[in-house]
Amino acid sequence: MNNDSARTTKFPTGTLVFGLILIVVSLATLSRTFFHWSFDMPLLLIIVVAFAGVAMIISGLSAAGKRRQRESEIPAPTDPNL
């Protein structure tokens, strides 16, 4: 009953979150260099990683909820004359 054309592709949340971490860290480093700002870089990294972890947890919970909802649905009959 489960054919490949009906399956949805899994969204790579981990890749997205890791990319966002790299973007934030690089922008913070560049802005610190160009604007001569002074902030605590280890604290910034801890905050960014904490928010990334929260984003991954929320994504995992929403994916589990969608999977549970999809599994609880009654599948349509294959023959429309039934």
PDB file of N, CA and C in Angstrom:
ATOM      1  N   MET A   1       0.815  -1.194   0.000  1.00  0.00           N
ATOM      2  CA  MET A   1       0.000   0.000   0.000  1.00  0.00           C
ATOM      3  C   MET A   1       0.860   1.259   0.000  1.00  0.00           C
ATOM      4  N   ASN A   2       2.081   1.148   0.440  1.00  0.00           N
ATOM      5  CA  ASN A   2       2.941   2.315   0.552  1.00  0.00           C
ATOM      6  C   ASN A   2       3.891   2.355  -0.638  1.00  0.00           C
ATOM      7  N   ASN A   3       3.505   3.097  -1.670  1.00  0.00           N
ATOM      8  CA  ASN A   3       4.369   3.184  -2.839  1.00  0.00           C
ATOM      9  C   ASN A   3       5.277   4.398  -2.729  1.00  0.00           C
ATOM     10  N   ASP A   4       6.358   4.384  -3.504  1.00  0.00           N
ATOM     11  CA  ASP A   4       7.368   5.438  -3.399  1.00  0.00           C
ATOM     12  C   ASP A   4       6.880   6.790  -3.893  1.00  0.00           C
ATOM     13  N   SER A   5       5.920   6.818  -4.811  1.00  0.00           N
ATOM     14  CA  SER A   5       5.451   8.099  -5.334  1.00  0.00           C
ATOM     15  C   SER A   5       4.633   8.865  -4.297  1.00  0.00           C
ATOM     16  N   ALA A   6       3.997   8.168  -3.371  1.00  0.00           N
ATOM     17  CA  ALA A   6       3.176   8.826  -2.356  1.00  0.00           C
ATOM     18  C   ALA A   6       3.987   9.235  -1.131  1.00  0.00           C
ATOM     19  N   ARG A   7       5.200   8.724  -1.002  1.00  0.00           N
ATOM     20  CA  ARG A   7       6.019   9.056   0.167  1.00  0.00           C
ATOM     21  C   ARG A   7       6.570  10.460   0.029  1.00  0.00           C
ATOM     22  N   THR A   8       6.603  11.167   1.141  1.00  0.00           N
ATOM     23  CA  THR A   8       7.171  12.505   1.138  1.00  0.00           C
ATOM     24  C   THR A   8       8.636  12.423   1.526  1.00  0.00           C
ATOM     25  N   THR A   9       9.425  13.339   1.019  1.00  0.00           N
ATOM     26  CA  THR A   9      10.839  13.343   1.360  1.00  0.00           C
ATOM     27  C   THR A   9      11.032  14.019   2.709  1.00  0.00           C
ATOM     28  N   LYS A  10      11.993  13.527   3.455  1.00  0.00           N
ATOM     29  CA  LYS A  10      12.271  14.061   4.784  1.00  0.00           C
ATOM     30  C   LYS A  10      13.084  15.342   4.650  1.00  0.00           C
ATOM     31  N   PHE A  11      12.660  16.374   5.356  1.00  0.00           N
ATOM     32  CA  PHE A  11      13.361  17.655   5.318  1.00  0.00           C
ATOM     33  C   PHE A  11      14.603  17.574   6.195  1.00  0.00           C
ATOM     34  N   PRO A  12      15.766  17.957   5.682  1.00  0.00           N
ATOM     35  CA  PRO A  12      17.013  17.842   6.459  1.00  0.00           C
ATOM     36  C   PRO A  12      17.155  18.965   7.487  1.00  0.00           C
ATOM     37  N   THR A  13      16.468  18.836   8.599  1.00  0.00           N
ATOM     38  CA  THR A  13      16.472  19.880   9.619  1.00  0.00           C
ATOM     39  C   THR A  13      17.855  20.078  10.218  1.00  0.00           C
ATOM     40  N   GLY A  14      18.567  18.998  10.445  1.00  0.00           N
ATOM     41  CA  GLY A  14      19.903  19.108  11.021  1.00  0.00           C
ATOM     42  C   GLY A  14      20.843  19.913  10.141  1.00  0.00           C
ATOM     43  N   THR A  15      20.755  19.697   8.836  1.00  0.00           N
ATOM     44  CA  THR A  15      21.589  20.451   7.903  1.00  0.00           C
ATOM     45  C   THR A  15      21.233  21.928   7.925  1.00  0.00           C
ATOM     46  N   LEU A  16      19.949  22.221   7.972  1.00  0.00           N
ATOM     47  CA  LEU A  16      19.504  23.616   8.011  1.00  0.00           C
ATOM     48  C   LEU A  16      19.982  24.306   9.285  1.00  0.00           C
ATOM     49  N   VAL A  17      19.830  23.649  10.411  1.00  0.00           N
ATOM     50  CA  VAL A  17      20.238  24.242  11.688  1.00  0.00           C
ATOM     51  C   VAL A  17      21.753  24.438  11.730  1.00  0.00           C
ATOM     52  N   PHE A  18      22.497  23.455  11.252  1.00  0.00           N
ATOM     53  CA  PHE A  18      23.954  23.589  11.233  1.00  0.00           C
ATOM     54  C   PHE A  18      24.381  24.741  10.319  1.00  0.00           C
ATOM     55  N   GLY A  19      23.723  24.890   9.179  1.00  0.00           N
ATOM     56  CA  GLY A  19      24.015  26.007   8.286  1.00  0.00           C
ATOM     57  C   GLY A  19      23.705  27.346   8.921  1.00  0.00           C
ATOM     58  N   LEU A  20      22.593  27.413   9.652  1.00  0.00           N
ATOM     59  CA  LEU A  20      22.252  28.660  10.336  1.00  0.00           C
ATOM     60  C   LEU A  20      23.263  29.001  11.427  1.00  0.00           C
ATOM     61  N   ILE A  21      23.758  27.987  12.126  1.00  0.00           N
ATOM     62  CA  ILE A  21      24.788  28.225  13.140  1.00  0.00           C
ATOM     63  C   ILE A  21      26.032  28.820  12.487  1.00  0.00           C
ATOM     64  N   LEU A  22      26.445  28.239  11.367  1.00  0.00           N
ATOM     65  CA  LEU A  22      27.632  28.749  10.684  1.00  0.00           C
ATOM     66  C   LEU A  22      27.436  30.176  10.192  1.00  0.00           C
ATOM     67  N   ILE A  23      26.252  30.486   9.685  1.00  0.00           N
ATOM     68  CA  ILE A  23      25.973  31.841   9.210  1.00  0.00           C
ATOM     69  C   ILE A  23      26.016  32.839  10.362  1.00  0.00           C
ATOM     70  N   VAL A  24      25.394  32.504  11.483  1.00  0.00           N
ATOM     71  CA  VAL A  24      25.372  33.421  12.628  1.00  0.00           C
ATOM     72  C   VAL A  24      26.778  33.651  13.167  1.00  0.00           C
ATOM     73  N   VAL A  25      27.552  32.593  13.292  1.00  0.00           N
ATOM     74  CA  VAL A  25      28.913  32.741  13.815  1.00  0.00           C
ATOM     75  C   VAL A  25      29.772  33.562  12.859  1.00  0.00           C
ATOM     76  N   SER A  26      29.652  33.309  11.563  1.00  0.00           N
ATOM     77  CA  SER A  26      30.467  34.072  10.613  1.00  0.00           C
ATOM     78  C   SER A  26      30.046  35.538  10.562  1.00  0.00           C
ATOM     79  N   LEU A  27      28.740  35.822  10.608  1.00  0.00           N
ATOM     80  CA  LEU A  27      28.286  37.212  10.626  1.00  0.00           C
ATOM     81  C   LEU A  27      28.720  37.926  11.905  1.00  0.00           C
ATOM     82  N   ALA A  28      28.679  37.217  13.024  1.00  0.00           N
ATOM     83  CA  ALA A  28      29.124  37.829  14.279  1.00  0.00           C
ATOM     84  C   ALA A  28      30.614  38.137  14.238  1.00  0.00           C
ATOM     85  N   THR A  29      31.389  37.233  13.680  1.00  0.00           N
ATOM     86  CA  THR A  29      32.824  37.461  13.582  1.00  0.00           C
ATOM     87  C   THR A  29      33.139  38.617  12.634  1.00  0.00           C
ATOM     88  N   LEU A  30      32.454  38.650  11.489  1.00  0.00           N
ATOM     89  CA  LEU A  30      32.678  39.744  10.543  1.00  0.00           C
ATOM     90  C   LEU A  30      32.259  41.094  11.118  1.00  0.00           C
ATOM     91  N   SER A  31      31.108  41.123  11.780  1.00  0.00           N
ATOM     92  CA  SER A  31      30.662  42.396  12.349  1.00  0.00           C
ATOM     93  C   SER A  31      31.583  42.851  13.477  1.00  0.00           C
ATOM     94  N   ARG A  32      32.107  41.907  14.208  1.00  0.00           N
ATOM     95  CA  ARG A  32      33.049  42.244  15.277  1.00  0.00           C
ATOM     96  C   ARG A  32      34.341  42.817  14.692  1.00  0.00           C
ATOM     97  N   THR A  33      34.755  42.287  13.547  1.00  0.00           N
ATOM     98  CA  THR A  33      35.972  42.771  12.901  1.00  0.00           C
ATOM     99  C   THR A  33      35.768  44.148  12.271  1.00  0.00           C
ATOM    100  N   PHE A  34      34.673  44.310  11.536  1.00  0.00           N
ATOM    101  CA  PHE A  34      34.452  45.564  10.807  1.00  0.00           C
ATOM    102  C   PHE A  34      34.026  46.718  11.710  1.00  0.00           C
ATOM    103  N   PHE A  35      33.178  46.441  12.685  1.00  0.00           N
ATOM    104  CA  PHE A  35      32.639  47.516  13.518  1.00  0.00           C
ATOM    105  C   PHE A  35      33.365  47.666  14.849  1.00  0.00           C
ATOM    106  N   HIS A  36      34.362  46.829  15.088  1.00  0.00           N
ATOM    107  CA  HIS A  36      35.166  46.870  16.316  1.00  0.00           C
ATOM    108  C   HIS A  36      34.291  46.752  17.571  1.00  0.00           C
ATOM    109  N   TRP A  37      33.316  45.840  17.486  1.00  0.00           N
ATOM    110  CA  TRP A  37      32.470  45.581  18.641  1.00  0.00           C
ATOM    111  C   TRP A  37      33.211  44.671  19.600  1.00  0.00           C
ATOM    112  N   SER A  38      32.808  44.750  20.838  1.00  0.00           N
ATOM    113  CA  SER A  38      33.403  43.887  21.841  1.00  0.00           C
ATOM    114  C   SER A  38      32.286  43.111  22.535  1.00  0.00           C
ATOM    115  N   PHE A  39      32.225  41.810  22.275  1.00  0.00           N
ATOM    116  CA  PHE A  39      31.264  40.961  22.977  1.00  0.00           C
ATOM    117  C   PHE A  39      31.915  39.617  23.250  1.00  0.00           C
ATOM    118  N   ASP A  40      31.308  38.898  24.144  1.00  0.00           N
ATOM    119  CA  ASP A  40      31.855  37.625  24.600  1.00  0.00           C
ATOM    120  C   ASP A  40      31.517  36.537  23.584  1.00  0.00           C
ATOM    121  N   MET A  41      32.504  36.108  22.802  1.00  0.00           N
ATOM    122  CA  MET A  41      32.275  35.127  21.745  1.00  0.00           C
ATOM    123  C   MET A  41      31.866  33.753  22.295  1.00  0.00           C
ATOM    124  N   PRO A  42      32.479  33.227  23.361  1.00  0.00           N
ATOM    125  CA  PRO A  42      32.012  31.933  23.879  1.00  0.00           C
ATOM    126  C   PRO A  42      30.556  31.965  24.342  1.00  0.00           C
ATOM    127  N   LEU A  43      30.139  33.067  24.942  1.00  0.00           N
ATOM    128  CA  LEU A  43      28.748  33.178  25.361  1.00  0.00           C
ATOM    129  C   LEU A  43      27.817  33.201  24.151  1.00  0.00           C
ATOM    130  N   LEU A  44      28.219  33.899  23.092  1.00  0.00           N
ATOM    131  CA  LEU A  44      27.425  33.916  21.865  1.00  0.00           C
ATOM    132  C   LEU A  44      27.291  32.514  21.279  1.00  0.00           C
ATOM    133  N   LEU A  45      28.378  31.765  21.257  1.00  0.00           N
ATOM    134  CA  LEU A  45      28.327  30.403  20.720  1.00  0.00           C
ATOM    135  C   LEU A  45      27.419  29.506  21.556  1.00  0.00           C
ATOM    136  N   ILE A  46      27.461  29.652  22.864  1.00  0.00           N
ATOM    137  CA  ILE A  46      26.587  28.860  23.732  1.00  0.00           C
ATOM    138  C   ILE A  46      25.124  29.183  23.451  1.00  0.00           C
ATOM    139  N   ILE A  47      24.809  30.451  23.293  1.00  0.00           N
ATOM    140  CA  ILE A  47      23.423  30.857  23.022  1.00  0.00           C
ATOM    141  C   ILE A  47      22.961  30.336  21.666  1.00  0.00           C
ATOM    142  N   VAL A  48      23.815  30.450  20.651  1.00  0.00           N
ATOM    143  CA  VAL A  48      23.446  29.987  19.307  1.00  0.00           C
ATOM    144  C   VAL A  48      23.220  28.480  19.298  1.00  0.00           C
ATOM    145  N   VAL A  49      24.097  27.733  19.938  1.00  0.00           N
ATOM    146  CA  VAL A  49      23.940  26.274  19.981  1.00  0.00           C
ATOM    147  C   VAL A  49      22.699  25.888  20.783  1.00  0.00           C
ATOM    148  N   ALA A  50      22.393  26.619  21.840  1.00  0.00           N
ATOM    149  CA  ALA A  50      21.186  26.332  22.625  1.00  0.00           C
ATOM    150  C   ALA A  50      19.930  26.555  21.786  1.00  0.00           C
ATOM    151  N   PHE A  51      19.877  27.668  21.054  1.00  0.00           N
ATOM    152  CA  PHE A  51      18.719  27.907  20.192  1.00  0.00           C
ATOM    153  C   PHE A  51      18.629  26.877  19.068  1.00  0.00           C
ATOM    154  N   ALA A  52      19.765  26.437  18.550  1.00  0.00           N
ATOM    155  CA  ALA A  52      19.758  25.403  17.516  1.00  0.00           C
ATOM    156  C   ALA A  52      19.212  24.091  18.073  1.00  0.00           C
ATOM    157  N   GLY A  53      19.585  23.762  19.291  1.00  0.00           N
ATOM    158  CA  GLY A  53      19.050  22.555  19.916  1.00  0.00           C
ATOM    159  C   GLY A  53      17.551  22.628  20.120  1.00  0.00           C
ATOM    160  N   VAL A  54      17.065  23.788  20.542  1.00  0.00           N
ATOM    161  CA  VAL A  54      15.617  23.971  20.708  1.00  0.00           C
ATOM    162  C   VAL A  54      14.909  23.828  19.364  1.00  0.00           C
ATOM    163  N   ALA A  55      15.493  24.392  18.302  1.00  0.00           N
ATOM    164  CA  ALA A  55      14.889  24.276  16.971  1.00  0.00           C
ATOM    165  C   ALA A  55      14.836  22.826  16.512  1.00  0.00           C
ATOM    166  N   MET A  56      15.875  22.058  16.790  1.00  0.00           N
ATOM    167  CA  MET A  56      15.883  20.649  16.390  1.00  0.00           C
ATOM    168  C   MET A  56      14.882  19.835  17.203  1.00  0.00           C
ATOM    169  N   ILE A  57      14.717  20.140  18.480  1.00  0.00           N
ATOM    170  CA  ILE A  57      13.729  19.439  19.302  1.00  0.00           C
ATOM    171  C   ILE A  57      12.320  19.728  18.802  1.00  0.00           C
ATOM    172  N   ILE A  58      12.028  20.987  18.514  1.00  0.00           N
ATOM    173  CA  ILE A  58      10.699  21.350  18.008  1.00  0.00           C
ATOM    174  C   ILE A  58      10.441  20.679  16.667  1.00  0.00           C
ATOM    175  N   SER A  59      11.439  20.640  15.802  1.00  0.00           N
ATOM    176  CA  SER A  59      11.288  19.986  14.507  1.00  0.00           C
ATOM    177  C   SER A  59      11.027  18.486  14.670  1.00  0.00           C
ATOM    178  N   GLY A  60      11.737  17.857  15.579  1.00  0.00           N
ATOM    179  CA  GLY A  60      11.523  16.430  15.820  1.00  0.00           C
ATOM    180  C   GLY A  60      10.144  16.131  16.366  1.00  0.00           C
ATOM    181  N   LEU A  61       9.666  16.974  17.282  1.00  0.00           N
ATOM    182  CA  LEU A  61       8.326  16.770  17.831  1.00  0.00           C
ATOM    183  C   LEU A  61       7.247  16.977  16.772  1.00  0.00           C
ATOM    184  N   SER A  62       7.420  17.974  15.919  1.00  0.00           N
ATOM    185  CA  SER A  62       6.413  18.196  14.878  1.00  0.00           C
ATOM    186  C   SER A  62       6.429  17.068  13.854  1.00  0.00           C
ATOM    187  N   ALA A  63       7.605  16.542  13.526  1.00  0.00           N
ATOM    188  CA  ALA A  63       7.682  15.416  12.594  1.00  0.00           C
ATOM    189  C   ALA A  63       7.031  14.172  13.192  1.00  0.00           C
ATOM    190  N   ALA A  64       7.235  13.941  14.481  1.00  0.00           N
ATOM    191  CA  ALA A  64       6.605  12.788  15.130  1.00  0.00           C
ATOM    192  C   ALA A  64       5.092  12.942  15.161  1.00  0.00           C
ATOM    193  N   GLY A  65       4.613  14.160  15.398  1.00  0.00           N
ATOM    194  CA  GLY A  65       3.168  14.398  15.389  1.00  0.00           C
ATOM    195  C   GLY A  65       2.561  14.181  14.020  1.00  0.00           C
ATOM    196  N   LYS A  66       3.252  14.631  12.978  1.00  0.00           N
ATOM    197  CA  LYS A  66       2.752  14.423  11.613  1.00  0.00           C
ATOM    198  C   LYS A  66       2.740  12.944  11.260  1.00  0.00           C
ATOM    199  N   ARG A  67       3.783  12.219  11.672  1.00  0.00           N
ATOM    200  CA  ARG A  67       3.848  10.792  11.384  1.00  0.00           C
ATOM    201  C   ARG A  67       2.726  10.052  12.103  1.00  0.00           C
ATOM    202  N   ARG A  68       2.480  10.409  13.360  1.00  0.00           N
ATOM    203  CA  ARG A  68       1.417   9.765  14.124  1.00  0.00           C
ATOM    204  C   ARG A  68       0.061  10.041  13.493  1.00  0.00           C
ATOM    205  N   GLN A  69      -0.145  11.272  13.041  1.00  0.00           N
ATOM    206  CA  GLN A  69      -1.414  11.627  12.411  1.00  0.00           C
ATOM    207  C   GLN A  69      -1.581  10.878  11.088  1.00  0.00           C
ATOM    208  N   ARG A  70      -0.504  10.750  10.318  1.00  0.00           N
ATOM    209  CA  ARG A  70      -0.572  10.054   9.037  1.00  0.00           C
ATOM    210  C   ARG A  70      -0.839   8.564   9.236  1.00  0.00           C
ATOM    211  N   GLU A  71      -0.266   7.970  10.287  1.00  0.00           N
ATOM    212  CA  GLU A  71      -0.471   6.548  10.538  1.00  0.00           C
ATOM    213  C   GLU A  71      -1.867   6.259  11.070  1.00  0.00           C
ATOM    214  N   SER A  72      -2.508   7.222  11.730  1.00  0.00           N
ATOM    215  CA  SER A  72      -3.826   6.984  12.301  1.00  0.00           C
ATOM    216  C   SER A  72      -4.949   7.174  11.285  1.00  0.00           C
ATOM    217  N   GLU A  73      -4.646   7.769  10.132  1.00  0.00           N
ATOM    218  CA  GLU A  73      -5.676   7.955   9.114  1.00  0.00           C
ATOM    219  C   GLU A  73      -6.027   6.620   8.470  1.00  0.00           C
ATOM    220  N   ILE A  74      -7.284   6.473   8.139  1.00  0.00           N
ATOM    221  CA  ILE A  74      -7.740   5.267   7.459  1.00  0.00           C
ATOM    222  C   ILE A  74      -7.398   5.420   5.979  1.00  0.00           C
ATOM    223  N   PRO A  75      -6.667   4.462   5.404  1.00  0.00           N
ATOM    224  CA  PRO A  75      -6.295   4.599   3.998  1.00  0.00           C
ATOM    225  C   PRO A  75      -7.510   4.433   3.085  1.00  0.00           C
ATOM    226  N   ALA A  76      -7.477   5.121   1.979  1.00  0.00           N
ATOM    227  CA  ALA A  76      -8.561   5.021   1.003  1.00  0.00           C
ATOM    228  C   ALA A  76      -8.492   3.671   0.313  1.00  0.00           C
ATOM    229  N   PRO A  77      -9.640   3.118  -0.061  1.00  0.00           N
ATOM    230  CA  PRO A  77      -9.618   1.834  -0.771  1.00  0.00           C
ATOM    231  C   PRO A  77      -8.960   1.998  -2.137  1.00  0.00           C
ATOM    232  N   THR A  78      -8.292   0.936  -2.571  1.00  0.00           N
ATOM    233  CA  THR A  78      -7.606   1.004  -3.854  1.00  0.00           C
ATOM    234  C   THR A  78      -8.577   0.908  -5.019  1.00  0.00           C
ATOM    235  N   ASP A  79      -9.690   0.220  -4.824  1.00  0.00           N
ATOM    236  CA  ASP A  79     -10.689   0.074  -5.882  1.00  0.00           C
ATOM    237  C   ASP A  79     -11.836   1.041  -5.592  1.00  0.00           C
ATOM    238  N   PRO A  80     -12.120   2.001  -6.475  1.00  0.00           N
ATOM    239  CA  PRO A  80     -13.188   2.963  -6.196  1.00  0.00           C
ATOM    240  C   PRO A  80     -14.583   2.347  -6.206  1.00  0.00           C
ATOM    241  N   ASN A  81     -14.737   1.113  -6.682  1.00  0.00           N
ATOM    242  CA  ASN A  81     -16.052   0.464  -6.721  1.00  0.00           C
ATOM    243  C   ASN A  81     -16.406  -0.210  -5.409  1.00  0.00           C
ATOM    244  N   LEU A  82     -15.518  -0.174  -4.425  1.00  0.00           N
ATOM    245  CA  LEU A  82     -15.802  -0.839  -3.146  1.00  0.00           C
ATOM    246  C   LEU A  82     -16.691  -0.045  -2.283  1.00  0.00           C
TER     247      LEU A  82
END
